[in-house]
Amino acid sequence: MVVKDKIELFLSYEEFNEFTHEQKSLLKKLSYDSNSFVKGLVASLMVKSIDEFGFEILSRLSKDKNDYVRTEVYDSLSVFSDANTVQLLQNAIRTETNNLAKSYAIMSLGDVVYSLGISNDFKEYVYKIKSCNKSKDCILSCLYCLYLFGENVIDEIFLLLNDNDYHIRLSAISILEEIVNNDNLDIIISKLSDRLKIEDCSSVIDKIKNFK
């Protein structure tokens, strides 16, 4: 099976809410593929297999040498709400060398801890991560977690809407999409409208216009 066929297979799998035994067998086989993009797609599909099978694949791929694969792993782990996932993500945050991948691990850890209701000392833990990281991607993920747990940090997110790096501006908008609610919608829309008046990057303009 060539890479194109594998991608088409993955696209067809996105329609399913859960996988059959045969589909799982094929996904497990493809999780050992030599192509990193294929392994990353397998990892992304594990949000549809929130069980021992899915966790085993994600746990193994979290040690993959490719940054993209690990990023997809950390993203998918956000829906695995158990102590093993917390430990895996904490280890990833401590050892991960790629800042984008680490930022996904931080966000997913926040989601998992929030869903488990084990918030004791978590805010202090996130503040420590934030203070030790210069990466703005990681800082944004920390701000997301802190906001999730009731900290008033939205102004810090707004500041990053004006970052010189358009990638960070895009990430800031993505974080705002995650935290928007009836209470903060007006201020978020106001800040995005202000940014839109001076924005010169087409991808950022499109993301603001399609904000939801």
C-alpha atoms as a PDB file:
ATOM      1  CA  MET A   1       0.000   0.000   0.000  1.00  0.00           C
ATOM      2  CA  VAL A   2       1.544   3.311  -1.104  1.00  0.00           C
ATOM      3  CA  VAL A   3       1.341   6.476   1.035  1.00  0.00           C
ATOM      4  CA  LYS A   4      -1.498   7.939  -1.068  1.00  0.00           C
ATOM      5  CA  ASP A   5      -3.620   4.832  -0.476  1.00  0.00           C
ATOM      6  CA  LYS A   6      -2.897   4.966   3.251  1.00  0.00           C
ATOM      7  CA  ILE A   7      -4.000   8.608   3.432  1.00  0.00           C
ATOM      8  CA  GLU A   8      -7.219   7.822   1.560  1.00  0.00           C
ATOM      9  CA  LEU A   9      -7.827   4.973   4.003  1.00  0.00           C
ATOM     10  CA  PHE A  10      -7.377   7.326   6.967  1.00  0.00           C
ATOM     11  CA  LEU A  11      -9.792   9.811   5.432  1.00  0.00           C
ATOM     12  CA  SER A  12     -12.418   7.074   5.175  1.00  0.00           C
ATOM     13  CA  TYR A  13     -11.777   6.098   8.816  1.00  0.00           C
ATOM     14  CA  GLU A  14     -12.664   9.619   9.976  1.00  0.00           C
ATOM     15  CA  GLU A  15     -16.315   8.756   9.354  1.00  0.00           C
ATOM     16  CA  PHE A  16     -16.328   6.074  12.058  1.00  0.00           C
ATOM     17  CA  ASN A  17     -17.064   6.625  15.743  1.00  0.00           C
ATOM     18  CA  GLU A  18     -15.201   3.449  16.632  1.00  0.00           C
ATOM     19  CA  PHE A  19     -13.072   0.869  14.846  1.00  0.00           C
ATOM     20  CA  THR A  20     -13.643  -2.806  14.118  1.00  0.00           C
ATOM     21  CA  HIS A  21     -11.113  -5.454  15.097  1.00  0.00           C
ATOM     22  CA  GLU A  22      -9.871  -5.584  11.509  1.00  0.00           C
ATOM     23  CA  GLN A  23      -9.498  -1.801  11.334  1.00  0.00           C
ATOM     24  CA  LYS A  24      -7.594  -1.763  14.595  1.00  0.00           C
ATOM     25  CA  SER A  25      -5.240  -4.448  13.314  1.00  0.00           C
ATOM     26  CA  LEU A  26      -4.469  -2.365  10.238  1.00  0.00           C
ATOM     27  CA  LEU A  27      -4.034   0.824  12.271  1.00  0.00           C
ATOM     28  CA  LYS A  28      -1.621  -0.935  14.597  1.00  0.00           C
ATOM     29  CA  LYS A  29       0.381  -2.159  11.613  1.00  0.00           C
ATOM     30  CA  LEU A  30       0.464   1.334  10.094  1.00  0.00           C
ATOM     31  CA  SER A  31       1.585   2.828  13.403  1.00  0.00           C
ATOM     32  CA  TYR A  32       4.938   1.149  12.654  1.00  0.00           C
ATOM     33  CA  ASP A  33       5.090   2.658   9.149  1.00  0.00           C
ATOM     34  CA  SER A  34       8.384   4.119   7.948  1.00  0.00           C
ATOM     35  CA  ASN A  35       6.587   7.314   6.849  1.00  0.00           C
ATOM     36  CA  SER A  36       6.211   9.831   9.689  1.00  0.00           C
ATOM     37  CA  PHE A  37       3.141  11.444   8.112  1.00  0.00           C
ATOM     38  CA  VAL A  38       1.380   8.079   8.143  1.00  0.00           C
ATOM     39  CA  LYS A  39       2.256   7.528  11.808  1.00  0.00           C
ATOM     40  CA  GLY A  40       1.036  11.015  12.636  1.00  0.00           C
ATOM     41  CA  LEU A  41      -2.299  10.311  10.971  1.00  0.00           C
ATOM     42  CA  VAL A  42      -2.632   7.089  12.956  1.00  0.00           C
ATOM     43  CA  ALA A  43      -2.015   9.083  16.135  1.00  0.00           C
ATOM     44  CA  SER A  44      -4.639  11.664  15.170  1.00  0.00           C
ATOM     45  CA  LEU A  45      -7.234   8.917  14.653  1.00  0.00           C
ATOM     46  CA  MET A  46      -6.740   7.551  18.169  1.00  0.00           C
ATOM     47  CA  VAL A  47      -9.241  10.110  19.478  1.00  0.00           C
ATOM     48  CA  LYS A  48     -11.766   7.602  18.133  1.00  0.00           C
ATOM     49  CA  SER A  49     -10.241   4.757  20.143  1.00  0.00           C
ATOM     50  CA  ILE A  50     -10.235   5.946  23.748  1.00  0.00           C
ATOM     51  CA  ASP A  51      -9.262   2.582  25.168  1.00  0.00           C
ATOM     52  CA  GLU A  52      -6.238   0.433  25.921  1.00  0.00           C
ATOM     53  CA  PHE A  53      -5.582  -0.054  22.202  1.00  0.00           C
ATOM     54  CA  GLY A  54      -5.482   3.673  21.495  1.00  0.00           C
ATOM     55  CA  PHE A  55      -3.388   4.490  24.547  1.00  0.00           C
ATOM     56  CA  GLU A  56      -0.843   1.771  23.717  1.00  0.00           C
ATOM     57  CA  ILE A  57      -0.315   3.213  20.253  1.00  0.00           C
ATOM     58  CA  LEU A  58      -0.067   6.781  21.522  1.00  0.00           C
ATOM     59  CA  SER A  59       2.273   5.801  24.331  1.00  0.00           C
ATOM     60  CA  ARG A  60       4.621   4.095  21.894  1.00  0.00           C
ATOM     61  CA  LEU A  61       4.471   6.890  19.317  1.00  0.00           C
ATOM     62  CA  SER A  62       5.160   9.482  22.026  1.00  0.00           C
ATOM     63  CA  LYS A  63       8.735   8.188  21.856  1.00  0.00           C
ATOM     64  CA  ASP A  64       8.948   8.632  18.063  1.00  0.00           C
ATOM     65  CA  LYS A  65      11.902  10.620  16.740  1.00  0.00           C
ATOM     66  CA  ASN A  66       9.703  12.793  14.523  1.00  0.00           C
ATOM     67  CA  ASP A  67       8.367  16.060  15.991  1.00  0.00           C
ATOM     68  CA  TYR A  68       5.163  15.945  13.935  1.00  0.00           C
ATOM     69  CA  VAL A  69       4.299  12.456  15.153  1.00  0.00           C
ATOM     70  CA  ARG A  70       4.798  13.409  18.800  1.00  0.00           C
ATOM     71  CA  THR A  71       2.724  16.580  18.330  1.00  0.00           C
ATOM     72  CA  GLU A  72      -0.191  14.529  16.991  1.00  0.00           C
ATOM     73  CA  VAL A  73       0.202  12.106  19.889  1.00  0.00           C
ATOM     74  CA  TYR A  74       0.039  14.823  22.534  1.00  0.00           C
ATOM     75  CA  ASP A  75      -2.964  16.403  20.829  1.00  0.00           C
ATOM     76  CA  SER A  76      -4.903  13.128  20.787  1.00  0.00           C
ATOM     77  CA  LEU A  77      -4.096  12.381  24.426  1.00  0.00           C
ATOM     78  CA  SER A  78      -6.357  15.266  25.485  1.00  0.00           C
ATOM     79  CA  VAL A  79      -9.344  12.889  25.440  1.00  0.00           C
ATOM     80  CA  PHE A  80      -7.691  10.121  27.483  1.00  0.00           C
ATOM     81  CA  SER A  81      -8.761  11.071  30.999  1.00  0.00           C
ATOM     82  CA  ASP A  82      -6.797   8.861  33.378  1.00  0.00           C
ATOM     83  CA  ALA A  83      -3.755   8.896  35.626  1.00  0.00           C
ATOM     84  CA  ASN A  84      -1.552   7.138  33.055  1.00  0.00           C
ATOM     85  CA  THR A  85      -2.191   9.946  30.577  1.00  0.00           C
ATOM     86  CA  VAL A  86      -1.323  12.567  33.194  1.00  0.00           C
ATOM     87  CA  GLN A  87       1.979  10.836  33.880  1.00  0.00           C
ATOM     88  CA  LEU A  88       2.795  10.451  30.186  1.00  0.00           C
ATOM     89  CA  LEU A  89       2.083  14.117  29.452  1.00  0.00           C
ATOM     90  CA  GLN A  90       4.016  15.338  32.477  1.00  0.00           C
ATOM     91  CA  ASN A  91       7.001  13.282  31.336  1.00  0.00           C
ATOM     92  CA  ALA A  92       6.623  14.737  27.837  1.00  0.00           C
ATOM     93  CA  ILE A  93       6.548  18.299  29.159  1.00  0.00           C
ATOM     94  CA  ARG A  94       9.704  17.611  31.151  1.00  0.00           C
ATOM     95  CA  THR A  95      11.668  15.966  28.332  1.00  0.00           C
ATOM     96  CA  GLU A  96      10.221  17.275  25.033  1.00  0.00           C
ATOM     97  CA  THR A  97      12.755  19.296  23.013  1.00  0.00           C
ATOM     98  CA  ASN A  98      10.381  20.613  20.345  1.00  0.00           C
ATOM     99  CA  ASN A  99       8.485  23.653  21.615  1.00  0.00           C
ATOM    100  CA  LEU A 100       5.417  23.215  19.417  1.00  0.00           C
ATOM    101  CA  ALA A 101       5.053  19.585  20.468  1.00  0.00           C
ATOM    102  CA  LYS A 102       5.532  20.582  24.115  1.00  0.00           C
ATOM    103  CA  SER A 103       2.830  23.235  23.788  1.00  0.00           C
ATOM    104  CA  TYR A 104       0.353  20.552  22.716  1.00  0.00           C
ATOM    105  CA  ALA A 105       1.364  18.375  25.654  1.00  0.00           C
ATOM    106  CA  ILE A 106       0.729  21.291  28.038  1.00  0.00           C
ATOM    107  CA  MET A 107      -2.734  21.996  26.607  1.00  0.00           C
ATOM    108  CA  SER A 108      -3.728  18.344  26.652  1.00  0.00           C
ATOM    109  CA  LEU A 109      -2.545  17.955  30.233  1.00  0.00           C
ATOM    110  CA  GLY A 110      -4.766  20.878  31.189  1.00  0.00           C
ATOM    111  CA  ASP A 111      -7.751  19.251  29.490  1.00  0.00           C
ATOM    112  CA  VAL A 112      -7.116  15.898  31.174  1.00  0.00           C
ATOM    113  CA  VAL A 113      -6.564  17.318  34.657  1.00  0.00           C
ATOM    114  CA  TYR A 114      -9.672  19.487  34.284  1.00  0.00           C
ATOM    115  CA  SER A 115     -11.801  16.521  33.224  1.00  0.00           C
ATOM    116  CA  LEU A 116     -10.490  14.435  36.129  1.00  0.00           C
ATOM    117  CA  GLY A 117     -11.126  17.203  38.645  1.00  0.00           C
ATOM    118  CA  ILE A 118      -7.677  16.838  40.227  1.00  0.00           C
ATOM    119  CA  SER A 119      -6.711  20.489  40.252  1.00  0.00           C
ATOM    120  CA  ASN A 120      -4.721  20.467  43.508  1.00  0.00           C
ATOM    121  CA  ASP A 121      -1.491  22.415  42.927  1.00  0.00           C
ATOM    122  CA  PHE A 122      -2.031  22.291  39.158  1.00  0.00           C
ATOM    123  CA  LYS A 123      -2.081  26.060  38.727  1.00  0.00           C
ATOM    124  CA  GLU A 124       1.220  26.356  40.593  1.00  0.00           C
ATOM    125  CA  TYR A 125       2.629  23.617  38.365  1.00  0.00           C
ATOM    126  CA  VAL A 126       1.555  25.506  35.213  1.00  0.00           C
ATOM    127  CA  TYR A 127       2.932  28.811  36.488  1.00  0.00           C
ATOM    128  CA  LYS A 128       6.269  27.071  37.023  1.00  0.00           C
ATOM    129  CA  ILE A 129       6.245  25.701  33.464  1.00  0.00           C
ATOM    130  CA  LYS A 130       5.368  29.161  32.150  1.00  0.00           C
ATOM    131  CA  SER A 131       8.211  30.800  34.043  1.00  0.00           C
ATOM    132  CA  CYS A 132      10.722  28.248  32.730  1.00  0.00           C
ATOM    133  CA  ASN A 133       9.732  28.512  29.052  1.00  0.00           C
ATOM    134  CA  LYS A 134      10.642  31.267  26.624  1.00  0.00           C
ATOM    135  CA  SER A 135       8.650  29.664  23.815  1.00  0.00           C
ATOM    136  CA  LYS A 136       5.534  31.714  23.141  1.00  0.00           C
ATOM    137  CA  ASP A 137       3.723  28.593  21.943  1.00  0.00           C
ATOM    138  CA  CYS A 138       4.317  27.034  25.357  1.00  0.00           C
ATOM    139  CA  ILE A 139       3.388  30.260  27.131  1.00  0.00           C
ATOM    140  CA  LEU A 140       0.087  30.376  25.220  1.00  0.00           C
ATOM    141  CA  SER A 141      -0.658  26.797  26.222  1.00  0.00           C
ATOM    142  CA  CYS A 142       0.072  27.665  29.847  1.00  0.00           C
ATOM    143  CA  LEU A 143      -2.271  30.649  29.608  1.00  0.00           C
ATOM    144  CA  TYR A 144      -4.969  28.362  28.197  1.00  0.00           C
ATOM    145  CA  CYS A 145      -4.580  26.007  31.169  1.00  0.00           C
ATOM    146  CA  LEU A 146      -4.578  28.832  33.678  1.00  0.00           C
ATOM    147  CA  TYR A 147      -7.706  30.368  32.150  1.00  0.00           C
ATOM    148  CA  LEU A 148      -9.359  26.946  32.213  1.00  0.00           C
ATOM    149  CA  PHE A 149      -8.745  26.831  35.962  1.00  0.00           C
ATOM    150  CA  GLY A 150     -10.106  30.300  36.653  1.00  0.00           C
ATOM    151  CA  GLU A 151      -7.039  32.529  36.423  1.00  0.00           C
ATOM    152  CA  ASN A 152      -7.602  35.989  34.906  1.00  0.00           C
ATOM    153  CA  VAL A 153      -4.948  35.792  32.186  1.00  0.00           C
ATOM    154  CA  ILE A 154      -6.975  36.710  29.113  1.00  0.00           C
ATOM    155  CA  ASP A 155      -5.167  40.055  28.742  1.00  0.00           C
ATOM    156  CA  GLU A 156      -1.884  38.170  28.358  1.00  0.00           C
ATOM    157  CA  ILE A 157      -3.434  36.195  25.514  1.00  0.00           C
ATOM    158  CA  PHE A 158      -4.651  39.435  23.925  1.00  0.00           C
ATOM    159  CA  LEU A 159      -1.091  40.821  24.035  1.00  0.00           C
ATOM    160  CA  LEU A 160       0.103  37.934  21.863  1.00  0.00           C
ATOM    161  CA  LEU A 161      -2.436  38.910  19.190  1.00  0.00           C
ATOM    162  CA  ASN A 162       0.072  41.666  18.387  1.00  0.00           C
ATOM    163  CA  ASP A 163       3.182  39.509  18.331  1.00  0.00           C
ATOM    164  CA  ASN A 164       5.641  40.126  15.487  1.00  0.00           C
ATOM    165  CA  ASP A 165       5.487  36.454  14.499  1.00  0.00           C
ATOM    166  CA  TYR A 166       2.284  35.731  12.590  1.00  0.00           C
ATOM    167  CA  HIS A 167       2.455  32.085  13.693  1.00  0.00           C
ATOM    168  CA  ILE A 168       2.046  33.255  17.278  1.00  0.00           C
ATOM    169  CA  ARG A 169      -0.828  35.523  16.294  1.00  0.00           C
ATOM    170  CA  LEU A 170      -2.520  32.513  14.697  1.00  0.00           C
ATOM    171  CA  SER A 171      -1.898  30.438  17.819  1.00  0.00           C
ATOM    172  CA  ALA A 172      -3.326  33.189  20.029  1.00  0.00           C
ATOM    173  CA  ILE A 173      -6.508  33.216  17.955  1.00  0.00           C
ATOM    174  CA  SER A 174      -6.717  29.422  18.237  1.00  0.00           C
ATOM    175  CA  ILE A 175      -6.485  29.692  22.024  1.00  0.00           C
ATOM    176  CA  LEU A 176      -9.249  32.300  22.031  1.00  0.00           C
ATOM    177  CA  GLU A 177     -11.393  29.899  19.992  1.00  0.00           C
ATOM    178  CA  GLU A 178     -10.873  27.321  22.733  1.00  0.00           C
ATOM    179  CA  ILE A 179     -11.853  29.585  25.624  1.00  0.00           C
ATOM    180  CA  VAL A 180     -14.606  31.760  24.093  1.00  0.00           C
ATOM    181  CA  ASN A 181     -17.900  31.753  25.966  1.00  0.00           C
ATOM    182  CA  ASN A 182     -20.859  34.049  26.535  1.00  0.00           C
ATOM    183  CA  ASP A 183     -19.016  35.968  29.238  1.00  0.00           C
ATOM    184  CA  ASN A 184     -15.929  36.859  27.201  1.00  0.00           C
ATOM    185  CA  LEU A 185     -17.295  36.866  23.658  1.00  0.00           C
ATOM    186  CA  ASP A 186     -17.741  40.640  23.404  1.00  0.00           C
ATOM    187  CA  ILE A 187     -14.229  41.522  24.559  1.00  0.00           C
ATOM    188  CA  ILE A 188     -12.678  38.836  22.347  1.00  0.00           C
ATOM    189  CA  ILE A 189     -14.554  40.074  19.272  1.00  0.00           C
ATOM    190  CA  SER A 190     -13.511  43.644  20.116  1.00  0.00           C
ATOM    191  CA  LYS A 191      -9.829  42.703  20.385  1.00  0.00           C
ATOM    192  CA  LEU A 192      -9.950  40.697  17.160  1.00  0.00           C
ATOM    193  CA  SER A 193     -11.641  43.586  15.359  1.00  0.00           C
ATOM    194  CA  ASP A 194      -8.875  45.918  16.542  1.00  0.00           C
ATOM    195  CA  ARG A 195      -6.260  43.486  15.247  1.00  0.00           C
ATOM    196  CA  LEU A 196      -8.053  43.110  11.932  1.00  0.00           C
ATOM    197  CA  LYS A 197      -7.716  46.839  11.273  1.00  0.00           C
ATOM    198  CA  ILE A 198      -3.909  46.593  11.191  1.00  0.00           C
ATOM    199  CA  GLU A 199      -3.323  42.971  10.192  1.00  0.00           C
ATOM    200  CA  ASP A 200      -1.329  42.429   6.983  1.00  0.00           C
ATOM    201  CA  CYS A 201      -1.009  38.633   6.976  1.00  0.00           C
ATOM    202  CA  SER A 202      -3.676  36.946   4.861  1.00  0.00           C
ATOM    203  CA  SER A 203      -3.793  33.760   6.949  1.00  0.00           C
ATOM    204  CA  VAL A 204      -4.351  35.761  10.142  1.00  0.00           C
ATOM    205  CA  ILE A 205      -6.995  37.922   8.439  1.00  0.00           C
ATOM    206  CA  ASP A 206      -8.831  34.799   7.290  1.00  0.00           C
ATOM    207  CA  LYS A 207      -8.648  33.227  10.748  1.00  0.00           C
ATOM    208  CA  ILE A 208     -10.069  36.351  12.390  1.00  0.00           C
ATOM    209  CA  LYS A 209     -12.877  36.591   9.841  1.00  0.00           C
ATOM    210  CA  ASN A 210     -13.724  32.923  10.384  1.00  0.00           C
ATOM    211  CA  PHE A 211     -13.457  33.096  14.164  1.00  0.00           C
ATOM    212  CA  LYS A 212     -15.909  30.806  15.885  1.00  0.00           C
END
